[in-house]
């Protein structure tokens, strides 16, 4: 089964994203801060990360740069999910190596369409 890490400091947001990703066939692990996310990436080798832009301890973009720079980590698909609507921030996320950016609020259909675009929904459905 494909592994997804959902990283957000909001427990409610982690629970919502986890439920959606489980519906798509992913095995979901939750992280509440950047250090937890980094440690989980090393231990669990995720296929997909859905991460808030603003994380405690290590911010979202910084954790993305660390993951992309660490050749020991299998490079997962990385999607930011945030209330940030600044075009410069979204551009920075994509230039830093993010595969996509989902703006909040969202629903299961929005998540599904993003996963289809980056070709990871099919993998989850076949897991």
Protein backbone atom coordinates (compact mmCIF):
# COMPACT_ATOMS: atom_id res chain seq x y z
CA UNK A 1 0.00 0.00 0.00
CA UNK A 2 1.25 3.50 -0.82
CA UNK A 3 2.29 5.64 2.16
CA UNK A 4 1.22 9.27 2.66
CA UNK A 5 2.46 11.57 5.41
CA UNK A 6 0.09 14.40 6.33
CA UNK A 7 1.95 17.22 8.10
CA UNK A 8 0.00 20.00 9.78
CA UNK A 9 0.04 21.57 13.23
CA UNK A 10 -3.80 21.43 13.31
CA UNK A 11 -5.07 18.08 14.54
CA UNK A 12 -8.41 18.67 12.80
CA UNK A 13 -6.69 19.33 9.47
CA UNK A 14 -4.54 16.20 9.88
CA UNK A 15 -7.63 14.13 10.64
CA UNK A 16 -9.53 15.52 7.62
CA UNK A 17 -6.65 14.98 5.18
CA UNK A 18 -5.92 11.54 6.64
CA UNK A 19 -9.52 10.45 6.10
CA UNK A 20 -9.51 11.69 2.50
CA UNK A 21 -6.20 9.99 1.73
CA UNK A 22 -7.32 6.74 3.37
CA UNK A 23 -10.40 6.87 1.09
CA UNK A 24 -7.96 6.91 -1.85
CA UNK A 25 -6.20 3.81 -0.55
CA UNK A 26 -3.18 5.37 1.15
CA UNK A 27 -1.69 4.21 4.43
CA UNK A 28 -1.50 7.55 6.31
CA UNK A 29 0.95 8.71 8.96
CA UNK A 30 0.51 12.09 10.65
CA UNK A 31 3.19 14.64 11.59
CA UNK A 32 2.50 17.75 13.65
CA UNK A 33 5.77 19.61 13.03
CA UNK A 34 8.73 19.73 10.64
CA UNK A 35 11.09 17.67 12.80
CA UNK A 36 8.50 14.92 13.11
CA UNK A 37 7.98 15.01 9.33
CA UNK A 38 11.71 14.71 8.61
CA UNK A 39 12.08 11.79 11.00
CA UNK A 40 9.05 10.02 9.50
CA UNK A 41 10.46 10.47 5.96
CA UNK A 42 13.62 8.65 6.97
CA UNK A 43 11.79 5.81 8.77
CA UNK A 44 8.78 5.27 6.51
CA UNK A 45 9.79 6.21 2.94
CA UNK A 46 6.54 7.95 1.93
CA UNK A 47 5.22 8.01 -1.61
CA UNK A 48 3.40 11.28 -0.96
CA UNK A 49 3.60 14.15 1.52
CA UNK A 50 0.82 16.68 2.04
CA UNK A 51 2.26 19.51 4.11
CA UNK A 52 1.11 22.83 5.54
CA UNK A 53 3.22 25.85 4.51
CA UNK A 54 3.56 26.95 8.16
CA UNK A 55 4.84 24.14 10.39
CA UNK A 56 6.34 24.46 13.87
CA UNK A 57 10.08 23.76 14.41
CA UNK A 58 10.97 23.48 10.69
CA UNK A 59 8.77 25.44 8.29
CA UNK A 60 7.18 23.72 5.28
CA UNK A 61 9.44 25.15 2.58
CA UNK A 62 12.55 24.45 4.68
CA UNK A 63 11.50 20.83 5.21
CA UNK A 64 10.83 20.49 1.48
CA UNK A 65 14.33 21.76 0.68
CA UNK A 66 15.85 19.34 3.24
CA UNK A 67 13.95 16.40 1.76
CA UNK A 68 14.86 17.31 -1.83
CA UNK A 69 18.54 17.72 -0.83
CA UNK A 70 18.77 14.40 1.06
CA UNK A 71 19.63 11.69 -1.47
CA UNK A 72 19.13 8.99 1.19
CA UNK A 73 15.39 9.77 1.17
CA UNK A 74 13.35 8.32 -1.68
CA UNK A 75 11.95 11.46 -3.27
CA UNK A 76 8.21 11.55 -2.56
CA UNK A 77 5.54 13.57 -4.33
CA UNK A 78 5.23 16.73 -2.21
CA UNK A 79 2.06 18.84 -2.10
CA UNK A 80 1.57 21.94 0.00
CA UNK A 81 -1.90 22.47 1.45
CA UNK A 82 -2.37 25.90 2.99
CA UNK A 83 -4.48 29.02 3.42
CA UNK A 84 -1.61 31.00 1.85
CA UNK A 85 -2.92 32.56 -1.34
CA UNK A 86 0.08 34.73 -2.25
CA UNK A 87 1.19 33.98 -5.82
CA UNK A 88 4.84 34.58 -4.86
CA UNK A 89 4.59 31.98 -2.07
CA UNK A 90 3.03 29.42 -4.42
CA UNK A 91 5.72 30.16 -6.99
CA UNK A 92 8.43 29.73 -4.33
CA UNK A 93 6.91 26.39 -3.31
CA UNK A 94 6.97 25.09 -6.88
CA UNK A 95 10.49 26.42 -7.55
CA UNK A 96 11.66 24.73 -4.32
CA UNK A 97 10.53 21.34 -5.60
CA UNK A 98 6.87 21.00 -4.60
CA UNK A 99 4.78 19.01 -7.06
CA UNK A 100 1.62 21.01 -6.42
CA UNK A 101 -0.15 23.44 -4.08
CA UNK A 102 -3.69 23.03 -2.75
CA UNK A 103 -5.38 26.11 -1.33
CA UNK A 104 -7.75 25.79 1.59
CA UNK A 105 -10.65 25.36 1.85
CA UNK A 106 -10.76 22.15 -0.16
CA UNK A 107 -12.87 19.03 -0.41
CA UNK A 108 -12.26 15.44 -1.46
CA UNK A 109 -12.97 16.25 -5.14
CA UNK A 110 -10.33 19.01 -5.18
CA UNK A 111 -7.76 16.66 -3.63
CA UNK A 112 -8.71 13.94 -6.15
CA UNK A 113 -8.28 16.31 -9.10
CA UNK A 114 -4.82 17.39 -7.89
CA UNK A 115 -3.76 13.77 -7.36
CA UNK A 116 -4.97 12.89 -10.86
CA UNK A 117 -3.01 15.78 -12.38
CA UNK A 118 0.25 14.64 -10.77
CA UNK A 119 -0.60 10.99 -11.47
CA UNK A 120 -0.70 9.64 -7.93
CA UNK A 121 -4.44 9.02 -7.59
CA UNK A 122 -4.34 5.99 -9.89
CA UNK A 123 -1.55 4.46 -7.84
CA UNK A 124 -3.63 4.86 -4.67
CA UNK A 125 -6.74 3.36 -6.28
CA UNK A 126 -4.71 0.32 -7.37
CA UNK A 127 -3.01 -0.18 -4.01
